[in-house]
PDB file of N, CA and C in Angstrom:
ATOM      1  N   MET A   1       8.494  -0.868   4.386  1.00  0.00           N
ATOM      2  CA  MET A   1       9.898  -0.937   4.707  1.00  0.00           C
ATOM      3  C   MET A   1      10.076  -0.542   6.174  1.00  0.00           C
ATOM      4  N   ASN A   2      10.565  -1.473   6.963  1.00  0.00           N
ATOM      5  CA  ASN A   2      10.768  -1.235   8.392  1.00  0.00           C
ATOM      6  C   ASN A   2      12.258  -1.110   8.679  1.00  0.00           C
ATOM      7  N   VAL A   3      12.655   0.053   9.136  1.00  0.00           N
ATOM      8  CA  VAL A   3      14.059   0.320   9.409  1.00  0.00           C
ATOM      9  C   VAL A   3      14.532  -0.350  10.697  1.00  0.00           C
ATOM     10  N   LEU A   4      13.603  -0.626  11.626  1.00  0.00           N
ATOM     11  CA  LEU A   4      13.969  -1.199  12.914  1.00  0.00           C
ATOM     12  C   LEU A   4      14.356  -2.670  12.770  1.00  0.00           C
ATOM     13  N   THR A   5      15.433  -3.050  13.440  1.00  0.00           N
ATOM     14  CA  THR A   5      15.901  -4.436  13.413  1.00  0.00           C
ATOM     15  C   THR A   5      16.748  -4.698  14.649  1.00  0.00           C
ATOM     16  N   ASP A   6      16.750  -5.927  15.109  1.00  0.00           N
ATOM     17  CA  ASP A   6      17.584  -6.288  16.255  1.00  0.00           C
ATOM     18  C   ASP A   6      19.011  -6.634  15.831  1.00  0.00           C
ATOM     19  N   SER A   7      19.281  -6.633  14.537  1.00  0.00           N
ATOM     20  CA  SER A   7      20.634  -6.867  14.025  1.00  0.00           C
ATOM     21  C   SER A   7      21.097  -5.619  13.297  1.00  0.00           C
ATOM     22  N   LEU A   8      22.186  -5.040  13.758  1.00  0.00           N
ATOM     23  CA  LEU A   8      22.726  -3.829  13.149  1.00  0.00           C
ATOM     24  C   LEU A   8      24.223  -3.996  12.940  1.00  0.00           C
ATOM     25  N   ILE A   9      24.745  -3.256  11.986  1.00  0.00           N
ATOM     26  CA  ILE A   9      26.185  -3.230  11.741  1.00  0.00           C
ATOM     27  C   ILE A   9      26.683  -1.864  12.201  1.00  0.00           C
ATOM     28  N   THR A  10      27.629  -1.867  13.124  1.00  0.00           N
ATOM     29  CA  THR A  10      28.219  -0.628  13.622  1.00  0.00           C
ATOM     30  C   THR A  10      29.705  -0.672  13.321  1.00  0.00           C
ATOM     31  N   ARG A  11      30.207   0.389  12.678  1.00  0.00           N
ATOM     32  CA  ARG A  11      31.620   0.403  12.313  1.00  0.00           C
ATOM     33  C   ARG A  11      32.084   1.836  12.098  1.00  0.00           C
ATOM     34  N   TYR A  12      33.384   2.004  12.090  1.00  0.00           N
ATOM     35  CA  TYR A  12      33.969   3.295  11.734  1.00  0.00           C
ATOM     36  C   TYR A  12      34.320   3.253  10.253  1.00  0.00           C
ATOM     37  N   ASP A  13      33.826   4.235   9.499  1.00  0.00           N
ATOM     38  CA  ASP A  13      34.079   4.320   8.067  1.00  0.00           C
ATOM     39  C   ASP A  13      35.200   5.332   7.834  1.00  0.00           C
ATOM     40  N   GLU A  14      36.354   4.835   7.391  1.00  0.00           N
ATOM     41  CA  GLU A  14      37.521   5.698   7.151  1.00  0.00           C
ATOM     42  C   GLU A  14      37.244   6.746   6.076  1.00  0.00           C
ATOM     43  N   ARG A  15      36.564   6.333   5.016  1.00  0.00           N
ATOM     44  CA  ARG A  15      36.286   7.256   3.909  1.00  0.00           C
ATOM     45  C   ARG A  15      35.384   8.399   4.353  1.00  0.00           C
ATOM     46  N   LEU A  16      34.319   8.068   5.082  1.00  0.00           N
ATOM     47  CA  LEU A  16      33.390   9.089   5.570  1.00  0.00           C
ATOM     48  C   LEU A  16      33.894   9.791   6.829  1.00  0.00           C
ATOM     49  N   ARG A  17      34.936   9.204   7.450  1.00  0.00           N
ATOM     50  CA  ARG A  17      35.444   9.696   8.731  1.00  0.00           C
ATOM     51  C   ARG A  17      34.292   9.827   9.731  1.00  0.00           C
ATOM     52  N   SER A  18      33.529   8.741   9.822  1.00  0.00           N
ATOM     53  CA  SER A  18      32.320   8.719  10.639  1.00  0.00           C
ATOM     54  C   SER A  18      32.097   7.351  11.259  1.00  0.00           C
ATOM     55  N   LEU A  19      31.466   7.356  12.399  1.00  0.00           N
ATOM     56  CA  LEU A  19      30.934   6.130  12.988  1.00  0.00           C
ATOM     57  C   LEU A  19      29.579   5.929  12.336  1.00  0.00           C
ATOM     58  N   VAL A  20      29.350   4.754  11.759  1.00  0.00           N
ATOM     59  CA  VAL A  20      28.089   4.506  11.064  1.00  0.00           C
ATOM     60  C   VAL A  20      27.377   3.300  11.665  1.00  0.00           C
ATOM     61  N   ILE A  21      26.069   3.390  11.677  1.00  0.00           N
ATOM     62  CA  ILE A  21      25.206   2.283  12.073  1.00  0.00           C
ATOM     63  C   ILE A  21      24.377   1.953  10.837  1.00  0.00           C
ATOM     64  N   GLU A  22      24.502   0.714  10.380  1.00  0.00           N
ATOM     65  CA  GLU A  22      23.858   0.306   9.135  1.00  0.00           C
ATOM     66  C   GLU A  22      22.887  -0.849   9.363  1.00  0.00           C
ATOM     67  N   HIS A  23      21.899  -0.896   8.524  1.00  0.00           N
ATOM     68  CA  HIS A  23      20.966  -2.018   8.477  1.00  0.00           C
ATOM     69  C   HIS A  23      21.663  -3.177   7.769  1.00  0.00           C
ATOM     70  N   PRO A  24      21.477  -4.415   8.214  1.00  0.00           N
ATOM     71  CA  PRO A  24      22.155  -5.539   7.547  1.00  0.00           C
ATOM     72  C   PRO A  24      21.676  -5.802   6.117  1.00  0.00           C
ATOM     73  N   ASP A  25      20.465  -5.354   5.764  1.00  0.00           N
ATOM     74  CA  ASP A  25      19.960  -5.539   4.398  1.00  0.00           C
ATOM     75  C   ASP A  25      20.425  -4.358   3.542  1.00  0.00           C
ATOM     76  N   LYS A  26      21.610  -4.475   2.998  1.00  0.00           N
ATOM     77  CA  LYS A  26      22.213  -3.377   2.229  1.00  0.00           C
ATOM     78  C   LYS A  26      21.513  -3.148   0.887  1.00  0.00           C
ATOM     79  N   ARG A  27      20.781  -4.130   0.403  1.00  0.00           N
ATOM     80  CA  ARG A  27      20.058  -3.934  -0.858  1.00  0.00           C
ATOM     81  C   ARG A  27      18.916  -2.943  -0.676  1.00  0.00           C
ATOM     82  N   GLU A  28      18.214  -3.033   0.459  1.00  0.00           N
ATOM     83  CA  GLU A  28      17.080  -2.146   0.708  1.00  0.00           C
ATOM     84  C   GLU A  28      17.500  -0.851   1.403  1.00  0.00           C
ATOM     85  N   PHE A  29      18.523  -0.917   2.231  1.00  0.00           N
ATOM     86  CA  PHE A  29      18.987   0.245   2.996  1.00  0.00           C
ATOM     87  C   PHE A  29      20.423   0.546   2.564  1.00  0.00           C
ATOM     88  N   THR A  30      20.553   1.370   1.549  1.00  0.00           N
ATOM     89  CA  THR A  30      21.854   1.601   0.927  1.00  0.00           C
ATOM     90  C   THR A  30      22.715   2.634   1.660  1.00  0.00           C
ATOM     91  N   THR A  31      22.122   3.426   2.506  1.00  0.00           N
ATOM     92  CA  THR A  31      22.878   4.431   3.262  1.00  0.00           C
ATOM     93  C   THR A  31      22.790   4.110   4.751  1.00  0.00           C
ATOM     94  N   PRO A  32      23.740   4.605   5.538  1.00  0.00           N
ATOM     95  CA  PRO A  32      23.702   4.346   6.984  1.00  0.00           C
ATOM     96  C   PRO A  32      22.412   4.877   7.622  1.00  0.00           C
ATOM     97  N   LEU A  33      21.930   4.151   8.623  1.00  0.00           N
ATOM     98  CA  LEU A  33      20.764   4.622   9.383  1.00  0.00           C
ATOM     99  C   LEU A  33      21.174   5.798  10.265  1.00  0.00           C
ATOM    100  N   VAL A  34      22.385   5.713  10.800  1.00  0.00           N
ATOM    101  CA  VAL A  34      22.943   6.783  11.637  1.00  0.00           C
ATOM    102  C   VAL A  34      24.380   6.987  11.190  1.00  0.00           C
ATOM    103  N   GLN A  35      24.764   8.259  11.104  1.00  0.00           N
ATOM    104  CA  GLN A  35      26.148   8.597  10.795  1.00  0.00           C
ATOM    105  C   GLN A  35      26.579   9.694  11.764  1.00  0.00           C
ATOM    106  N   VAL A  36      27.592   9.396  12.572  1.00  0.00           N
ATOM    107  CA  VAL A  36      28.126  10.374  13.512  1.00  0.00           C
ATOM    108  C   VAL A  36      29.486  10.790  12.984  1.00  0.00           C
ATOM    109  N   ARG A  37      29.537  11.999  12.474  1.00  0.00           N
ATOM    110  CA  ARG A  37      30.773  12.493  11.871  1.00  0.00           C
ATOM    111  C   ARG A  37      31.836  12.762  12.930  1.00  0.00           C
ATOM    112  N   GLU A  38      33.074  12.681  12.490  1.00  0.00           N
ATOM    113  CA  GLU A  38      34.207  12.902  13.375  1.00  0.00           C
ATOM    114  C   GLU A  38      34.115  14.263  14.078  1.00  0.00           C
ATOM    115  N   GLU A  39      33.648  15.291  13.376  1.00  0.00           N
ATOM    116  CA  GLU A  39      33.513  16.619  13.981  1.00  0.00           C
ATOM    117  C   GLU A  39      32.547  16.596  15.166  1.00  0.00           C
ATOM    118  N   THR A  40      31.536  15.750  15.081  1.00  0.00           N
ATOM    119  CA  THR A  40      30.545  15.656  16.154  1.00  0.00           C
ATOM    120  C   THR A  40      31.132  14.977  17.372  1.00  0.00           C
ATOM    121  N   PHE A  41      31.703  13.778  17.199  1.00  0.00           N
ATOM    122  CA  PHE A  41      32.180  13.075  18.385  1.00  0.00           C
ATOM    123  C   PHE A  41      33.500  13.641  18.902  1.00  0.00           C
ATOM    124  N   ALA A  42      34.204  14.427  18.092  1.00  0.00           N
ATOM    125  CA  ALA A  42      35.430  15.076  18.566  1.00  0.00           C
ATOM    126  C   ALA A  42      35.119  16.113  19.647  1.00  0.00           C
ATOM    127  N   GLN A  43      33.900  16.623  19.645  1.00  0.00           N
ATOM    128  CA  GLN A  43      33.483  17.623  20.631  1.00  0.00           C
ATOM    129  C   GLN A  43      32.962  16.987  21.921  1.00  0.00           C
ATOM    130  N   MET A  44      32.861  15.656  21.943  1.00  0.00           N
ATOM    131  CA  MET A  44      32.304  14.942  23.091  1.00  0.00           C
ATOM    132  C   MET A  44      33.417  14.258  23.872  1.00  0.00           C
ATOM    133  N   ASN A  45      33.175  14.067  25.166  1.00  0.00           N
ATOM    134  CA  ASN A  45      34.080  13.197  25.915  1.00  0.00           C
ATOM    135  C   ASN A  45      33.580  11.759  25.722  1.00  0.00           C
ATOM    136  N   PHE A  46      34.307  10.802  26.260  1.00  0.00           N
ATOM    137  CA  PHE A  46      33.968   9.393  26.060  1.00  0.00           C
ATOM    138  C   PHE A  46      32.556   9.068  26.548  1.00  0.00           C
ATOM    139  N   ASP A  47      32.210   9.510  27.753  1.00  0.00           N
ATOM    140  CA  ASP A  47      30.887   9.200  28.307  1.00  0.00           C
ATOM    141  C   ASP A  47      29.768   9.797  27.473  1.00  0.00           C
ATOM    142  N   GLU A  48      29.948  11.024  27.010  1.00  0.00           N
ATOM    143  CA  GLU A  48      28.931  11.663  26.169  1.00  0.00           C
ATOM    144  C   GLU A  48      28.758  10.911  24.846  1.00  0.00           C
ATOM    145  N   CYS A  49      29.862  10.526  24.251  1.00  0.00           N
ATOM    146  CA  CYS A  49      29.798   9.810  22.975  1.00  0.00           C
ATOM    147  C   CYS A  49      29.159   8.430  23.161  1.00  0.00           C
ATOM    148  N   ALA A  50      29.537   7.737  24.237  1.00  0.00           N
ATOM    149  CA  ALA A  50      28.966   6.416  24.504  1.00  0.00           C
ATOM    150  C   ALA A  50      27.457   6.510  24.704  1.00  0.00           C
ATOM    151  N   LYS A  51      27.012   7.500  25.428  1.00  0.00           N
ATOM    152  CA  LYS A  51      25.566   7.692  25.672  1.00  0.00           C
ATOM    153  C   LYS A  51      24.848   8.035  24.360  1.00  0.00           C
ATOM    154  N   PHE A  52      25.431   8.923  23.570  1.00  0.00           N
ATOM    155  CA  PHE A  52      24.856   9.360  22.301  1.00  0.00           C
ATOM    156  C   PHE A  52      24.698   8.184  21.340  1.00  0.00           C
ATOM    157  N   VAL A  53      25.784   7.428  21.141  1.00  0.00           N
ATOM    158  CA  VAL A  53      25.755   6.294  20.208  1.00  0.00           C
ATOM    159  C   VAL A  53      24.880   5.172  20.748  1.00  0.00           C
ATOM    160  N   GLY A  54      25.010   4.875  22.039  1.00  0.00           N
ATOM    161  CA  GLY A  54      24.219   3.805  22.643  1.00  0.00           C
ATOM    162  C   GLY A  54      22.727   4.049  22.541  1.00  0.00           C
ATOM    163  N   ALA A  55      22.314   5.286  22.764  1.00  0.00           N
ATOM    164  CA  ALA A  55      20.890   5.613  22.673  1.00  0.00           C
ATOM    165  C   ALA A  55      20.369   5.374  21.263  1.00  0.00           C
ATOM    166  N   ARG A  56      21.145   5.757  20.261  1.00  0.00           N
ATOM    167  CA  ARG A  56      20.703   5.559  18.884  1.00  0.00           C
ATOM    168  C   ARG A  56      20.615   4.081  18.526  1.00  0.00           C
ATOM    169  N   LEU A  57      21.569   3.294  19.009  1.00  0.00           N
ATOM    170  CA  LEU A  57      21.496   1.848  18.782  1.00  0.00           C
ATOM    171  C   LEU A  57      20.231   1.259  19.403  1.00  0.00           C
ATOM    172  N   LEU A  58      19.984   1.595  20.659  1.00  0.00           N
ATOM    173  CA  LEU A  58      18.824   1.043  21.366  1.00  0.00           C
ATOM    174  C   LEU A  58      17.514   1.433  20.694  1.00  0.00           C
ATOM    175  N   LEU A  59      17.428   2.664  20.213  1.00  0.00           N
ATOM    176  CA  LEU A  59      16.189   3.122  19.583  1.00  0.00           C
ATOM    177  C   LEU A  59      15.905   2.446  18.240  1.00  0.00           C
ATOM    178  N   LEU A  60      16.925   1.896  17.611  1.00  0.00           N
ATOM    179  CA  LEU A  60      16.737   1.211  16.326  1.00  0.00           C
ATOM    180  C   LEU A  60      16.357  -0.260  16.483  1.00  0.00           C
ATOM    181  N   MET A  61      16.416  -0.774  17.710  1.00  0.00           N
ATOM    182  CA  MET A  61      16.184  -2.204  17.947  1.00  0.00           C
ATOM    183  C   MET A  61      14.815  -2.431  18.604  1.00  0.00           C
ATOM    184  N   PRO A  62      13.902  -3.128  17.923  1.00  0.00           N
ATOM    185  CA  PRO A  62      12.565  -3.347  18.470  1.00  0.00           C
ATOM    186  C   PRO A  62      12.575  -3.978  19.869  1.00  0.00           C
ATOM    187  N   SER A  63      13.434  -4.948  20.109  1.00  0.00           N
ATOM    188  CA  SER A  63      13.443  -5.599  21.425  1.00  0.00           C
ATOM    189  C   SER A  63      13.874  -4.625  22.523  1.00  0.00           C
ATOM    190  N   MET A  64      14.793  -3.739  22.215  1.00  0.00           N
ATOM    191  CA  MET A  64      15.243  -2.752  23.197  1.00  0.00           C
ATOM    192  C   MET A  64      14.210  -1.650  23.382  1.00  0.00           C
ATOM    193  N   ARG A  65      13.524  -1.270  22.302  1.00  0.00           N
ATOM    194  CA  ARG A  65      12.440  -0.273  22.417  1.00  0.00           C
ATOM    195  C   ARG A  65      11.346  -0.799  23.344  1.00  0.00           C
ATOM    196  N   GLU A  66      11.048  -2.087  23.218  1.00  0.00           N
ATOM    197  CA  GLU A  66      10.040  -2.697  24.082  1.00  0.00           C
ATOM    198  C   GLU A  66      10.526  -2.722  25.530  1.00  0.00           C
ATOM    199  N   HIS A  67      11.762  -3.104  25.726  1.00  0.00           N
ATOM    200  CA  HIS A  67      12.331  -3.193  27.076  1.00  0.00           C
ATOM    201  C   HIS A  67      12.353  -1.828  27.765  1.00  0.00           C
ATOM    202  N   PHE A  68      12.651  -0.775  27.020  1.00  0.00           N
ATOM    203  CA  PHE A  68      12.776   0.569  27.587  1.00  0.00           C
ATOM    204  C   PHE A  68      11.601   1.478  27.213  1.00  0.00           C
ATOM    205  N   LYS A  69      10.432   0.899  26.926  1.00  0.00           N
ATOM    206  CA  LYS A  69       9.316   1.697  26.416  1.00  0.00           C
ATOM    207  C   LYS A  69       8.880   2.804  27.382  1.00  0.00           C
ATOM    208  N   GLU A  70       8.950   2.575  28.686  1.00  0.00           N
ATOM    209  CA  GLU A  70       8.556   3.619  29.625  1.00  0.00           C
ATOM    210  C   GLU A  70       9.510   4.799  29.569  1.00  0.00           C
ATOM    211  N   GLU A  71      10.810   4.530  29.548  1.00  0.00           N
ATOM    212  CA  GLU A  71      11.802   5.595  29.472  1.00  0.00           C
ATOM    213  C   GLU A  71      11.704   6.343  28.143  1.00  0.00           C
ATOM    214  N   ILE A  72      11.485   5.622  27.059  1.00  0.00           N
ATOM    215  CA  ILE A  72      11.334   6.250  25.748  1.00  0.00           C
ATOM    216  C   ILE A  72      10.092   7.133  25.728  1.00  0.00           C
ATOM    217  N   GLY A  73       9.015   6.643  26.332  1.00  0.00           N
ATOM    218  CA  GLY A  73       7.798   7.440  26.432  1.00  0.00           C
ATOM    219  C   GLY A  73       8.026   8.730  27.194  1.00  0.00           C
ATOM    220  N   GLN A  74       8.803   8.675  28.253  1.00  0.00           N
ATOM    221  CA  GLN A  74       9.114   9.867  29.034  1.00  0.00           C
ATOM    222  C   GLN A  74       9.944  10.856  28.223  1.00  0.00           C
ATOM    223  N   MET A  75      10.835  10.346  27.391  1.00  0.00           N
ATOM    224  CA  MET A  75      11.639  11.204  26.521  1.00  0.00           C
ATOM    225  C   MET A  75      10.746  11.941  25.525  1.00  0.00           C
ATOM    226  N   GLN A  76       9.740  11.259  25.010  1.00  0.00           N
ATOM    227  CA  GLN A  76       8.850  11.848  24.019  1.00  0.00           C
ATOM    228  C   GLN A  76       7.927  12.878  24.639  1.00  0.00           C
ATOM    229  N   ASP A  77       7.651  12.758  25.931  1.00  0.00           N
ATOM    230  CA  ASP A  77       6.763  13.696  26.621  1.00  0.00           C
ATOM    231  C   ASP A  77       7.449  15.026  26.916  1.00  0.00           C
ATOM    232  N   ARG A  78       8.771  15.059  26.847  1.00  0.00           N
ATOM    233  CA  ARG A  78       9.497  16.310  27.153  1.00  0.00           C
ATOM    234  C   ARG A  78       9.351  17.351  26.115  1.00  0.00           C
TER     235      ARG A  78
END
């Protein structure tokens, strides 16, 4: 089971009061891959939230991981 995909569903879930990033195959991936609760992003300004969410999206996409592999490698070395 490979969680990484270049197609993701990103939406705000009213019930969970969270920004969620989901895998398009809902049969195999029944829960969100990423869930950012309202309490979390309420503490961030727009730029911080955009960077936080954007990084998680990029890390879930194989094509973006390949494109940014040097930067990701540097993050892992820290």
